[in-house]
PDB file of N, CA and C in Angstrom:
ATOM      1  N   PRO A   1       7.885 -28.003  98.500  1.00  0.00           N
ATOM      2  CA  PRO A   1       7.307 -26.660  98.382  1.00  0.00           C
ATOM      3  C   PRO A   1       6.580 -26.452  97.050  1.00  0.00           C
ATOM      4  N   GLN A   2       7.064 -27.103  95.971  1.00  0.00           N
ATOM      5  CA  GLN A   2       6.429 -26.945  94.661  1.00  0.00           C
ATOM      6  C   GLN A   2       5.014 -27.545  94.658  1.00  0.00           C
ATOM      7  N   VAL A   3       4.887 -28.742  95.232  1.00  0.00           N
ATOM      8  CA  VAL A   3       3.582 -29.404  95.278  1.00  0.00           C
ATOM      9  C   VAL A   3       2.635 -28.609  96.165  1.00  0.00           C
ATOM     10  N   LYS A   4       3.151 -28.106  97.279  1.00  0.00           N
ATOM     11  CA  LYS A   4       2.307 -27.321  98.194  1.00  0.00           C
ATOM     12  C   LYS A   4       1.775 -26.070  97.500  1.00  0.00           C
ATOM     13  N   ALA A   5       2.625 -25.390  96.721  1.00  0.00           N
ATOM     14  CA  ALA A   5       2.173 -24.204  95.980  1.00  0.00           C
ATOM     15  C   ALA A   5       1.092 -24.599  94.971  1.00  0.00           C
ATOM     16  N   PHE A   6       1.263 -25.730  94.297  1.00  0.00           N
ATOM     17  CA  PHE A   6       0.236 -26.200  93.357  1.00  0.00           C
ATOM     18  C   PHE A   6      -1.078 -26.442  94.096  1.00  0.00           C
ATOM     19  N   VAL A   7      -0.996 -27.135  95.226  1.00  0.00           N
ATOM     20  CA  VAL A   7      -2.197 -27.479  95.998  1.00  0.00           C
ATOM     21  C   VAL A   7      -2.924 -26.230  96.472  1.00  0.00           C
ATOM     22  N   THR A   8      -2.187 -25.281  97.031  1.00  0.00           N
ATOM     23  CA  THR A   8      -2.840 -24.111  97.625  1.00  0.00           C
ATOM     24  C   THR A   8      -3.247 -23.054  96.605  1.00  0.00           C
ATOM     25  N   GLN A   9      -2.467 -22.906  95.526  1.00  0.00           N
ATOM     26  CA  GLN A   9      -2.732 -21.811  94.600  1.00  0.00           C
ATOM     27  C   GLN A   9      -3.363 -22.238  93.274  1.00  0.00           C
ATOM     28  N   ASP A  10      -3.073 -23.456  92.817  1.00  0.00           N
ATOM     29  CA  ASP A  10      -3.540 -23.853  91.486  1.00  0.00           C
ATOM     30  C   ASP A  10      -4.785 -24.737  91.494  1.00  0.00           C
ATOM     31  N   ILE A  11      -4.877 -25.669  92.416  1.00  0.00           N
ATOM     32  CA  ILE A  11      -6.034 -26.574  92.419  1.00  0.00           C
ATOM     33  C   ILE A  11      -7.363 -25.820  92.395  1.00  0.00           C
ATOM     34  N   PRO A  12      -7.531 -24.720  93.149  1.00  0.00           N
ATOM     35  CA  PRO A  12      -8.815 -24.013  93.104  1.00  0.00           C
ATOM     36  C   PRO A  12      -9.196 -23.491  91.704  1.00  0.00           C
ATOM     37  N   LEU A  13      -8.220 -23.390  90.802  1.00  0.00           N
ATOM     38  CA  LEU A  13      -8.502 -22.889  89.456  1.00  0.00           C
ATOM     39  C   LEU A  13      -8.974 -23.990  88.501  1.00  0.00           C
ATOM     40  N   TYR A  14      -8.810 -25.248  88.884  1.00  0.00           N
ATOM     41  CA  TYR A  14      -9.166 -26.353  87.995  1.00  0.00           C
ATOM     42  C   TYR A  14     -10.558 -26.879  88.291  1.00  0.00           C
ATOM     43  N   HIS A  15     -11.301 -27.087  87.217  1.00  0.00           N
ATOM     44  CA  HIS A  15     -12.644 -27.665  87.318  1.00  0.00           C
ATOM     45  C   HIS A  15     -12.517 -29.180  87.452  1.00  0.00           C
ATOM     46  N   ASN A  16     -13.269 -29.759  88.368  1.00  0.00           N
ATOM     47  CA  ASN A  16     -13.304 -31.210  88.611  1.00  0.00           C
ATOM     48  C   ASN A  16     -11.982 -31.773  89.131  1.00  0.00           C
ATOM     49  N   LEU A  17     -11.221 -30.974  89.830  1.00  0.00           N
ATOM     50  CA  LEU A  17      -9.985 -31.446  90.454  1.00  0.00           C
ATOM     51  C   LEU A  17     -10.103 -31.157  91.943  1.00  0.00           C
ATOM     52  N   GLU A  18      -9.985 -32.185  92.760  1.00  0.00           N
ATOM     53  CA  GLU A  18     -10.142 -32.047  94.205  1.00  0.00           C
ATOM     54  C   GLU A  18      -8.870 -32.437  94.926  1.00  0.00           C
ATOM     55  N   MET A  19      -8.684 -31.854  96.085  1.00  0.00           N
ATOM     56  CA  MET A  19      -7.550 -32.183  96.944  1.00  0.00           C
ATOM     57  C   MET A  19      -8.090 -32.933  98.156  1.00  0.00           C
ATOM     58  N   LYS A  20      -7.492 -34.081  98.447  1.00  0.00           N
ATOM     59  CA  LYS A  20      -7.808 -34.820  99.673  1.00  0.00           C
ATOM     60  C   LYS A  20      -6.502 -34.989 100.421  1.00  0.00           C
ATOM     61  N   HIS A  21      -6.437 -34.440 101.613  1.00  0.00           N
ATOM     62  CA  HIS A  21      -5.212 -34.500 102.413  1.00  0.00           C
ATOM     63  C   HIS A  21      -5.182 -35.810 103.187  1.00  0.00           C
ATOM     64  N   LEU A  22      -4.103 -36.575 103.000  1.00  0.00           N
ATOM     65  CA  LEU A  22      -3.881 -37.815 103.739  1.00  0.00           C
ATOM     66  C   LEU A  22      -2.578 -37.642 104.515  1.00  0.00           C
ATOM     67  N   PRO A  23      -2.650 -37.414 105.817  1.00  0.00           N
ATOM     68  CA  PRO A  23      -1.448 -37.173 106.617  1.00  0.00           C
ATOM     69  C   PRO A  23      -0.409 -38.280 106.421  1.00  0.00           C
ATOM     70  N   GLY A  24       0.830 -37.862 106.160  1.00  0.00           N
ATOM     71  CA  GLY A  24       1.937 -38.795 106.012  1.00  0.00           C
ATOM     72  C   GLY A  24       2.070 -39.431 104.640  1.00  0.00           C
ATOM     73  N   ALA A  25       1.099 -39.253 103.760  1.00  0.00           N
ATOM     74  CA  ALA A  25       1.159 -39.860 102.421  1.00  0.00           C
ATOM     75  C   ALA A  25       1.927 -38.956 101.467  1.00  0.00           C
ATOM     76  N   ASP A  26       2.675 -39.568 100.546  1.00  0.00           N
ATOM     77  CA  ASP A  26       3.344 -38.799  99.504  1.00  0.00           C
ATOM     78  C   ASP A  26       2.289 -38.237  98.562  1.00  0.00           C
ATOM     79  N   PRO A  27       2.486 -37.016  98.056  1.00  0.00           N
ATOM     80  CA  PRO A  27       1.475 -36.433  97.171  1.00  0.00           C
ATOM     81  C   PRO A  27       1.412 -37.178  95.841  1.00  0.00           C
ATOM     82  N   GLU A  28       0.194 -37.478  95.413  1.00  0.00           N
ATOM     83  CA  GLU A  28      -0.001 -38.125  94.131  1.00  0.00           C
ATOM     84  C   GLU A  28      -1.335 -37.692  93.544  1.00  0.00           C
ATOM     85  N   LEU A  29      -1.388 -37.728  92.231  1.00  0.00           N
ATOM     86  CA  LEU A  29      -2.618 -37.431  91.514  1.00  0.00           C
ATOM     87  C   LEU A  29      -3.304 -38.761  91.256  1.00  0.00           C
ATOM     88  N   VAL A  30      -4.536 -38.905  91.729  1.00  0.00           N
ATOM     89  CA  VAL A  30      -5.285 -40.140  91.534  1.00  0.00           C
ATOM     90  C   VAL A  30      -6.399 -39.835  90.542  1.00  0.00           C
ATOM     91  N   LEU A  31      -6.361 -40.522  89.407  1.00  0.00           N
ATOM     92  CA  LEU A  31      -7.367 -40.327  88.371  1.00  0.00           C
ATOM     93  C   LEU A  31      -8.475 -41.358  88.567  1.00  0.00           C
ATOM     94  N   LEU A  32      -9.725 -40.873  88.568  1.00  0.00           N
ATOM     95  CA  LEU A  32     -10.878 -41.737  88.789  1.00  0.00           C
ATOM     96  C   LEU A  32     -11.783 -41.733  87.563  1.00  0.00           C
ATOM     97  N   SER A  33     -12.494 -42.833  87.367  1.00  0.00           N
ATOM     98  CA  SER A  33     -13.482 -42.903  86.289  1.00  0.00           C
ATOM     99  C   SER A  33     -14.735 -42.166  86.744  1.00  0.00           C
ATOM    100  N   PHE A  34     -15.701 -42.033  85.841  1.00  0.00           N
ATOM    101  CA  PHE A  34     -16.944 -41.358  86.217  1.00  0.00           C
ATOM    102  C   PHE A  34     -17.689 -42.161  87.278  1.00  0.00           C
ATOM    103  N   ARG A  35     -17.330 -43.421  87.458  1.00  0.00           N
ATOM    104  CA  ARG A  35     -17.927 -44.256  88.506  1.00  0.00           C
ATOM    105  C   ARG A  35     -17.062 -44.250  89.776  1.00  0.00           C
ATOM    106  N   TYR A  36     -16.077 -43.353  89.816  1.00  0.00           N
ATOM    107  CA  TYR A  36     -15.156 -43.214  90.946  1.00  0.00           C
ATOM    108  C   TYR A  36     -14.277 -44.448  91.137  1.00  0.00           C
ATOM    109  N   GLU A  37     -14.010 -45.170  90.054  1.00  0.00           N
ATOM    110  CA  GLU A  37     -13.071 -46.285  90.091  1.00  0.00           C
ATOM    111  C   GLU A  37     -11.682 -45.726  89.789  1.00  0.00           C
ATOM    112  N   GLU A  38     -10.686 -46.184  90.525  1.00  0.00           N
ATOM    113  CA  GLU A  38      -9.330 -45.692  90.321  1.00  0.00           C
ATOM    114  C   GLU A  38      -8.784 -46.161  88.972  1.00  0.00           C
ATOM    115  N   LEU A  39      -8.275 -45.207  88.184  1.00  0.00           N
ATOM    116  CA  LEU A  39      -7.704 -45.511  86.881  1.00  0.00           C
ATOM    117  C   LEU A  39      -6.181 -45.507  86.917  1.00  0.00           C
ATOM    118  N   GLU A  40      -5.609 -44.544  87.636  1.00  0.00           N
ATOM    119  CA  GLU A  40      -4.156 -44.388  87.635  1.00  0.00           C
ATOM    120  C   GLU A  40      -3.734 -43.514  88.812  1.00  0.00           C
ATOM    121  N   ARG A  41      -2.510 -43.745  89.282  1.00  0.00           N
ATOM    122  CA  ARG A  41      -1.890 -42.912  90.327  1.00  0.00           C
ATOM    123  C   ARG A  41      -0.591 -42.355  89.766  1.00  0.00           C
ATOM    124  N   ILE A  42      -0.413 -41.049  89.882  1.00  0.00           N
ATOM    125  CA  ILE A  42       0.787 -40.393  89.367  1.00  0.00           C
ATOM    126  C   ILE A  42       1.478 -39.683  90.530  1.00  0.00           C
ATOM    127  N   PRO A  43       2.687 -40.134  90.910  1.00  0.00           N
ATOM    128  CA  PRO A  43       3.418 -39.469  92.001  1.00  0.00           C
ATOM    129  C   PRO A  43       3.794 -38.035  91.605  1.00  0.00           C
ATOM    130  N   LEU A  44       3.663 -37.116  92.557  1.00  0.00           N
ATOM    131  CA  LEU A  44       3.943 -35.704  92.278  1.00  0.00           C
ATOM    132  C   LEU A  44       5.172 -35.166  93.012  1.00  0.00           C
ATOM    133  N   SER A  45       5.714 -35.920  93.945  1.00  0.00           N
ATOM    134  CA  SER A  45       6.800 -35.435  94.814  1.00  0.00           C
ATOM    135  C   SER A  45       7.975 -34.830  94.063  1.00  0.00           C
ATOM    136  N   ASP A  46       8.387 -35.457  92.961  1.00  0.00           N
ATOM    137  CA  ASP A  46       9.576 -35.000  92.241  1.00  0.00           C
ATOM    138  C   ASP A  46       9.265 -34.017  91.118  1.00  0.00           C
ATOM    139  N   MET A  47       8.027 -33.568  91.023  1.00  0.00           N
ATOM    140  CA  MET A  47       7.639 -32.664  89.936  1.00  0.00           C
ATOM    141  C   MET A  47       7.621 -31.222  90.408  1.00  0.00           C
ATOM    142  N   THR A  48       7.916 -30.301  89.493  1.00  0.00           N
ATOM    143  CA  THR A  48       7.805 -28.873  89.802  1.00  0.00           C
ATOM    144  C   THR A  48       6.342 -28.456  89.654  1.00  0.00           C
ATOM    145  N   ARG A  49       6.029 -27.311  90.184  1.00  0.00           N
ATOM    146  CA  ARG A  49       4.676 -26.775  90.062  1.00  0.00           C
ATOM    147  C   ARG A  49       4.291 -26.632  88.594  1.00  0.00           C
ATOM    148  N   GLU A  50       5.216 -26.149  87.786  1.00  0.00           N
ATOM    149  CA  GLU A  50       4.971 -25.982  86.355  1.00  0.00           C
ATOM    150  C   GLU A  50       4.691 -27.339  85.684  1.00  0.00           C
ATOM    151  N   GLU A  51       5.459 -28.352  86.041  1.00  0.00           N
ATOM    152  CA  GLU A  51       5.258 -29.688  85.463  1.00  0.00           C
ATOM    153  C   GLU A  51       3.897 -30.262  85.854  1.00  0.00           C
ATOM    154  N   ILE A  52       3.492 -30.051  87.095  1.00  0.00           N
ATOM    155  CA  ILE A  52       2.186 -30.554  87.546  1.00  0.00           C
ATOM    156  C   ILE A  52       1.073 -29.844  86.786  1.00  0.00           C
ATOM    157  N   ASN A  53       1.183 -28.517  86.640  1.00  0.00           N
ATOM    158  CA  ASN A  53       0.167 -27.774  85.888  1.00  0.00           C
ATOM    159  C   ASN A  53       0.094 -28.261  84.442  1.00  0.00           C
ATOM    160  N   GLN A  54       1.233 -28.490  83.830  1.00  0.00           N
ATOM    161  CA  GLN A  54       1.266 -28.975  82.450  1.00  0.00           C
ATOM    162  C   GLN A  54       0.609 -30.351  82.357  1.00  0.00           C
ATOM    163  N   LEU A  55       0.935 -31.246  83.289  1.00  0.00           N
ATOM    164  CA  LEU A  55       0.358 -32.586  83.309  1.00  0.00           C
ATOM    165  C   LEU A  55      -1.164 -32.524  83.433  1.00  0.00           C
ATOM    166  N   VAL A  56      -1.650 -31.754  84.384  1.00  0.00           N
ATOM    167  CA  VAL A  56      -3.084 -31.661  84.636  1.00  0.00           C
ATOM    168  C   VAL A  56      -3.813 -31.134  83.386  1.00  0.00           C
ATOM    169  N   GLN A  57      -3.230 -30.151  82.724  1.00  0.00           N
ATOM    170  CA  GLN A  57      -3.853 -29.620  81.510  1.00  0.00           C
ATOM    171  C   GLN A  57      -3.786 -30.624  80.367  1.00  0.00           C
ATOM    172  N   GLU A  58      -2.681 -31.360  80.251  1.00  0.00           N
ATOM    173  CA  GLU A  58      -2.578 -32.396  79.217  1.00  0.00           C
ATOM    174  C   GLU A  58      -3.603 -33.502  79.450  1.00  0.00           C
ATOM    175  N   LEU A  59      -3.945 -33.745  80.705  1.00  0.00           N
ATOM    176  CA  LEU A  59      -4.954 -34.752  81.031  1.00  0.00           C
ATOM    177  C   LEU A  59      -6.366 -34.259  80.723  1.00  0.00           C
ATOM    178  N   GLY A  60      -6.509 -32.969  80.420  1.00  0.00           N
ATOM    179  CA  GLY A  60      -7.801 -32.441  80.002  1.00  0.00           C
ATOM    180  C   GLY A  60      -8.573 -31.659  81.042  1.00  0.00           C
ATOM    181  N   PHE A  61      -7.960 -31.368  82.184  1.00  0.00           N
ATOM    182  CA  PHE A  61      -8.651 -30.562  83.189  1.00  0.00           C
ATOM    183  C   PHE A  61      -8.722 -29.119  82.706  1.00  0.00           C
ATOM    184  N   TYR A  62      -9.877 -28.485  82.922  1.00  0.00           N
ATOM    185  CA  TYR A  62     -10.089 -27.098  82.490  1.00  0.00           C
ATOM    186  C   TYR A  62      -9.609 -26.152  83.584  1.00  0.00           C
ATOM    187  N   ARG A  63      -8.765 -25.190  83.202  1.00  0.00           N
ATOM    188  CA  ARG A  63      -8.249 -24.197  84.149  1.00  0.00           C
ATOM    189  C   ARG A  63      -9.014 -22.887  83.959  1.00  0.00           C
ATOM    190  N   LYS A  64      -9.614 -22.422  85.057  1.00  0.00           N
ATOM    191  CA  LYS A  64     -10.385 -21.179  85.046  1.00  0.00           C
ATOM    192  C   LYS A  64      -9.461 -19.992  85.329  1.00  0.00           C
ATOM    193  N   GLU A  65      -9.900 -18.818  84.965  1.00  0.00           N
ATOM    194  CA  GLU A  65      -9.129 -17.601  85.252  1.00  0.00           C
ATOM    195  C   GLU A  65      -9.115 -17.294  86.749  1.00  0.00           C
ATOM    196  N   THR A  66     -10.258 -17.496  87.387  1.00  0.00           N
ATOM    197  CA  THR A  66     -10.383 -17.294  88.835  1.00  0.00           C
ATOM    198  C   THR A  66     -11.148 -18.492  89.402  1.00  0.00           C
ATOM    199  N   PRO A  67     -10.997 -18.758  90.700  1.00  0.00           N
ATOM    200  CA  PRO A  67     -11.672 -19.932  91.269  1.00  0.00           C
ATOM    201  C   PRO A  67     -13.182 -19.980  91.053  1.00  0.00           C
ATOM    202  N   ASP A  68     -13.835 -18.826  91.027  1.00  0.00           N
ATOM    203  CA  ASP A  68     -15.293 -18.838  90.863  1.00  0.00           C
ATOM    204  C   ASP A  68     -15.752 -18.439  89.457  1.00  0.00           C
ATOM    205  N   ALA A  69     -14.865 -18.459  88.505  1.00  0.00           N
ATOM    206  CA  ALA A  69     -15.234 -18.157  87.115  1.00  0.00           C
ATOM    207  C   ALA A  69     -16.113 -19.286  86.567  1.00  0.00           C
ATOM    208  N   PRO A  70     -17.034 -18.955  85.662  1.00  0.00           N
ATOM    209  CA  PRO A  70     -17.888 -19.998  85.087  1.00  0.00           C
ATOM    210  C   PRO A  70     -17.078 -20.939  84.193  1.00  0.00           C
ATOM    211  N   VAL A  71     -17.564 -22.158  84.087  1.00  0.00           N
ATOM    212  CA  VAL A  71     -16.926 -23.173  83.241  1.00  0.00           C
ATOM    213  C   VAL A  71     -17.774 -23.308  81.981  1.00  0.00           C
ATOM    214  N   PRO A  72     -17.167 -23.165  80.800  1.00  0.00           N
ATOM    215  CA  PRO A  72     -17.937 -23.318  79.560  1.00  0.00           C
ATOM    216  C   PRO A  72     -18.616 -24.686  79.491  1.00  0.00           C
ATOM    217  N   GLU A  73     -19.762 -24.718  78.850  1.00  0.00           N
ATOM    218  CA  GLU A  73     -20.569 -25.937  78.740  1.00  0.00           C
ATOM    219  C   GLU A  73     -19.760 -27.139  78.270  1.00  0.00           C
ATOM    220  N   GLU A  74     -18.906 -26.939  77.260  1.00  0.00           N
ATOM    221  CA  GLU A  74     -18.157 -28.069  76.696  1.00  0.00           C
ATOM    222  C   GLU A  74     -17.126 -28.653  77.660  1.00  0.00           C
ATOM    223  N   PHE A  75     -16.849 -27.949  78.771  1.00  0.00           N
ATOM    224  CA  PHE A  75     -15.877 -28.440  79.743  1.00  0.00           C
ATOM    225  C   PHE A  75     -16.522 -28.879  81.058  1.00  0.00           C
ATOM    226  N   GLN A  76     -17.865 -28.899  81.117  1.00  0.00           N
ATOM    227  CA  GLN A  76     -18.545 -29.260  82.358  1.00  0.00           C
ATOM    228  C   GLN A  76     -18.143 -30.635  82.871  1.00  0.00           C
ATOM    229  N   PHE A  77     -17.932 -31.583  81.978  1.00  0.00           N
ATOM    230  CA  PHE A  77     -17.579 -32.934  82.395  1.00  0.00           C
ATOM    231  C   PHE A  77     -16.099 -33.240  82.177  1.00  0.00           C
ATOM    232  N   ALA A  78     -15.316 -32.224  81.814  1.00  0.00           N
ATOM    233  CA  ALA A  78     -13.879 -32.420  81.593  1.00  0.00           C
ATOM    234  C   ALA A  78     -13.235 -32.856  82.898  1.00  0.00           C
ATOM    235  N   PRO A  79     -12.278 -33.720  82.838  1.00  0.00           N
ATOM    236  CA  PRO A  79     -11.582 -34.220  81.664  1.00  0.00           C
ATOM    237  C   PRO A  79     -12.156 -35.513  81.106  1.00  0.00           C
ATOM    238  N   ALA A  80     -13.390 -35.845  81.445  1.00  0.00           N
ATOM    239  CA  ALA A  80     -13.968 -37.102  80.970  1.00  0.00           C
ATOM    240  C   ALA A  80     -13.938 -37.170  79.453  1.00  0.00           C
ATOM    241  N   LYS A  81     -13.614 -38.327  78.962  1.00  0.00           N
ATOM    242  CA  LYS A  81     -13.591 -38.576  77.527  1.00  0.00           C
ATOM    243  C   LYS A  81     -14.920 -39.226  77.148  1.00  0.00           C
ATOM    244  N   PRO A  82     -15.392 -39.007  75.926  1.00  0.00           N
ATOM    245  CA  PRO A  82     -16.624 -39.679  75.517  1.00  0.00           C
ATOM    246  C   PRO A  82     -16.437 -41.201  75.591  1.00  0.00           C
ATOM    247  N   LEU A  83     -17.502 -41.896  75.926  1.00  0.00           N
ATOM    248  CA  LEU A  83     -17.425 -43.346  75.984  1.00  0.00           C
ATOM    249  C   LEU A  83     -17.243 -43.898  74.578  1.00  0.00           C
ATOM    250  N   PRO A  84     -16.370 -44.885  74.417  1.00  0.00           N
ATOM    251  CA  PRO A  84     -16.183 -45.457  73.080  1.00  0.00           C
ATOM    252  C   PRO A  84     -17.438 -46.191  72.646  1.00  0.00           C
ATOM    253  N   ILE A  85     -17.726 -46.141  71.369  1.00  0.00           N
ATOM    254  CA  ILE A  85     -18.870 -46.868  70.824  1.00  0.00           C
ATOM    255  C   ILE A  85     -18.383 -48.280  70.527  1.00  0.00           C
ATOM    256  N   LEU A  86     -19.014 -49.236  71.143  1.00  0.00           N
ATOM    257  CA  LEU A  86     -18.595 -50.618  70.948  1.00  0.00           C
ATOM    258  C   LEU A  86     -19.339 -51.195  69.748  1.00  0.00           C
ATOM    259  N   LEU A  87     -18.576 -51.645  68.759  1.00  0.00           N
ATOM    260  CA  LEU A  87     -19.161 -52.236  67.571  1.00  0.00           C
ATOM    261  C   LEU A  87     -19.121 -53.745  67.698  1.00  0.00           C
ATOM    262  N   PRO A  88     -20.141 -54.448  67.179  1.00  0.00           N
ATOM    263  CA  PRO A  88     -20.107 -55.911  67.250  1.00  0.00           C
ATOM    264  C   PRO A  88     -18.959 -56.445  66.400  1.00  0.00           C
ATOM    265  N   PRO A  89     -18.403 -57.597  66.754  1.00  0.00           N
ATOM    266  CA  PRO A  89     -17.310 -58.150  65.951  1.00  0.00           C
ATOM    267  C   PRO A  89     -17.781 -58.464  64.540  1.00  0.00           C
ATOM    268  N   GLN A  90     -16.867 -58.300  63.603  1.00  0.00           N
ATOM    269  CA  GLN A  90     -17.185 -58.561  62.199  1.00  0.00           C
ATOM    270  C   GLN A  90     -17.185 -60.066  61.952  1.00  0.00           C
ATOM    271  N   ALA A  91     -18.235 -60.583  61.325  1.00  0.00           N
ATOM    272  CA  ALA A  91     -18.298 -61.999  60.969  1.00  0.00           C
ATOM    273  C   ALA A  91     -17.643 -62.194  59.611  1.00  0.00           C
ATOM    274  N   PRO A  92     -16.965 -63.327  59.414  1.00  0.00           N
ATOM    275  CA  PRO A  92     -16.379 -63.589  58.094  1.00  0.00           C
ATOM    276  C   PRO A  92     -17.474 -63.730  57.040  1.00  0.00           C
ATOM    277  N   THR A  93     -17.142 -63.367  55.827  1.00  0.00           N
ATOM    278  CA  THR A  93     -18.092 -63.527  54.717  1.00  0.00           C
ATOM    279  C   THR A  93     -18.104 -64.988  54.286  1.00  0.00           C
ATOM    280  N   THR A  94     -18.962 -65.333  53.324  1.00  0.00           N
ATOM    281  CA  THR A  94     -19.080 -66.725  52.885  1.00  0.00           C
ATOM    282  C   THR A  94     -17.787 -67.254  52.288  1.00  0.00           C
ATOM    283  N   ASP A  95     -16.929 -66.351  51.782  1.00  0.00           N
ATOM    284  CA  ASP A  95     -15.662 -66.829  51.226  1.00  0.00           C
ATOM    285  C   ASP A  95     -14.564 -66.899  52.288  1.00  0.00           C
ATOM    286  N   GLY A  96     -14.922 -66.695  53.568  1.00  0.00           N
ATOM    287  CA  GLY A  96     -13.968 -66.834  54.655  1.00  0.00           C
ATOM    288  C   GLY A  96     -13.194 -65.577  54.999  1.00  0.00           C
ATOM    289  N   ARG A  97     -13.355 -64.512  54.229  1.00  0.00           N
ATOM    290  CA  ARG A  97     -12.638 -63.257  54.519  1.00  0.00           C
ATOM    291  C   ARG A  97     -13.488 -62.364  55.399  1.00  0.00           C
ATOM    292  N   THR A  98     -12.821 -61.596  56.231  1.00  0.00           N
ATOM    293  CA  THR A  98     -13.529 -60.621  57.068  1.00  0.00           C
ATOM    294  C   THR A  98     -13.789 -59.375  56.234  1.00  0.00           C
ATOM    295  N   PRO A  99     -15.027 -58.842  56.271  1.00  0.00           N
ATOM    296  CA  PRO A  99     -15.313 -57.637  55.489  1.00  0.00           C
ATOM    297  C   PRO A  99     -14.466 -56.461  55.963  1.00  0.00           C
ATOM    298  N   PRO A 100     -14.208 -55.495  55.080  1.00  0.00           N
ATOM    299  CA  PRO A 100     -13.389 -54.338  55.481  1.00  0.00           C
ATOM    300  C   PRO A 100     -14.084 -53.518  56.551  1.00  0.00           C
ATOM    301  N   LYS A 101     -13.259 -52.847  57.384  1.00  0.00           N
ATOM    302  CA  LYS A 101     -13.797 -51.936  58.397  1.00  0.00           C
ATOM    303  C   LYS A 101     -13.863 -50.553  57.777  1.00  0.00           C
ATOM    304  N   TRP A 102     -15.013 -49.935  57.876  1.00  0.00           N
ATOM    305  CA  TRP A 102     -15.221 -48.619  57.274  1.00  0.00           C
ATOM    306  C   TRP A 102     -15.235 -47.560  58.336  1.00  0.00           C
ATOM    307  N   GLY A 103     -14.675 -46.403  58.025  1.00  0.00           N
ATOM    308  CA  GLY A 103     -14.805 -45.238  58.889  1.00  0.00           C
ATOM    309  C   GLY A 103     -16.162 -44.604  58.632  1.00  0.00           C
ATOM    310  N   LYS A 104     -16.648 -43.828  59.581  1.00  0.00           N
ATOM    311  CA  LYS A 104     -17.970 -43.208  59.449  1.00  0.00           C
ATOM    312  C   LYS A 104     -18.064 -42.357  58.195  1.00  0.00           C
ATOM    313  N   GLU A 105     -16.972 -41.634  57.859  1.00  0.00           N
ATOM    314  CA  GLU A 105     -16.997 -40.773  56.682  1.00  0.00           C
ATOM    315  C   GLU A 105     -17.026 -41.579  55.394  1.00  0.00           C
ATOM    316  N   GLU A 106     -16.628 -42.861  55.453  1.00  0.00           N
ATOM    317  CA  GLU A 106     -16.627 -43.700  54.256  1.00  0.00           C
ATOM    318  C   GLU A 106     -17.946 -44.451  54.080  1.00  0.00           C
ATOM    319  N   ARG A 107     -18.832 -44.363  55.057  1.00  0.00           N
ATOM    320  CA  ARG A 107     -20.082 -45.104  55.011  1.00  0.00           C
ATOM    321  C   ARG A 107     -21.233 -44.142  54.870  1.00  0.00           C
ATOM    322  N   PRO A 108     -21.741 -43.936  53.662  1.00  0.00           N
ATOM    323  CA  PRO A 108     -22.843 -42.980  53.477  1.00  0.00           C
ATOM    324  C   PRO A 108     -24.115 -43.409  54.176  1.00  0.00           C
ATOM    325  N   ASP A 109     -24.226 -44.705  54.546  1.00  0.00           N
ATOM    326  CA  ASP A 109     -25.447 -45.181  55.202  1.00  0.00           C
ATOM    327  C   ASP A 109     -25.468 -44.887  56.698  1.00  0.00           C
ATOM    328  N   LEU A 110     -24.379 -44.352  57.262  1.00  0.00           N
ATOM    329  CA  LEU A 110     -24.345 -44.063  58.702  1.00  0.00           C
ATOM    330  C   LEU A 110     -24.659 -42.615  58.970  1.00  0.00           C
TER     331      LEU A 110
END
């Protein structure tokens, strides 16, 4: 009953959260990448409605006040995380040591 209440009453309030009914399947939250590749499956059967809501918000889903309320610009792609910037591997210096890794705030040239 807890999962059913979440599905019927709470899912419509979340941006980018969809319900797909699979007859006979145990309820689970399936997290997908922006390319719709499966990232993780989280079983929901033993969770309370409150626990599911907390989990979904911790994962970064935006909860609206009403189902048709506007979503702020900064949450349009939520819960997507920015893509990591891939840096090339550091080559050892002539003395065989690897140069230090600098943070952006420590590098005035960036």
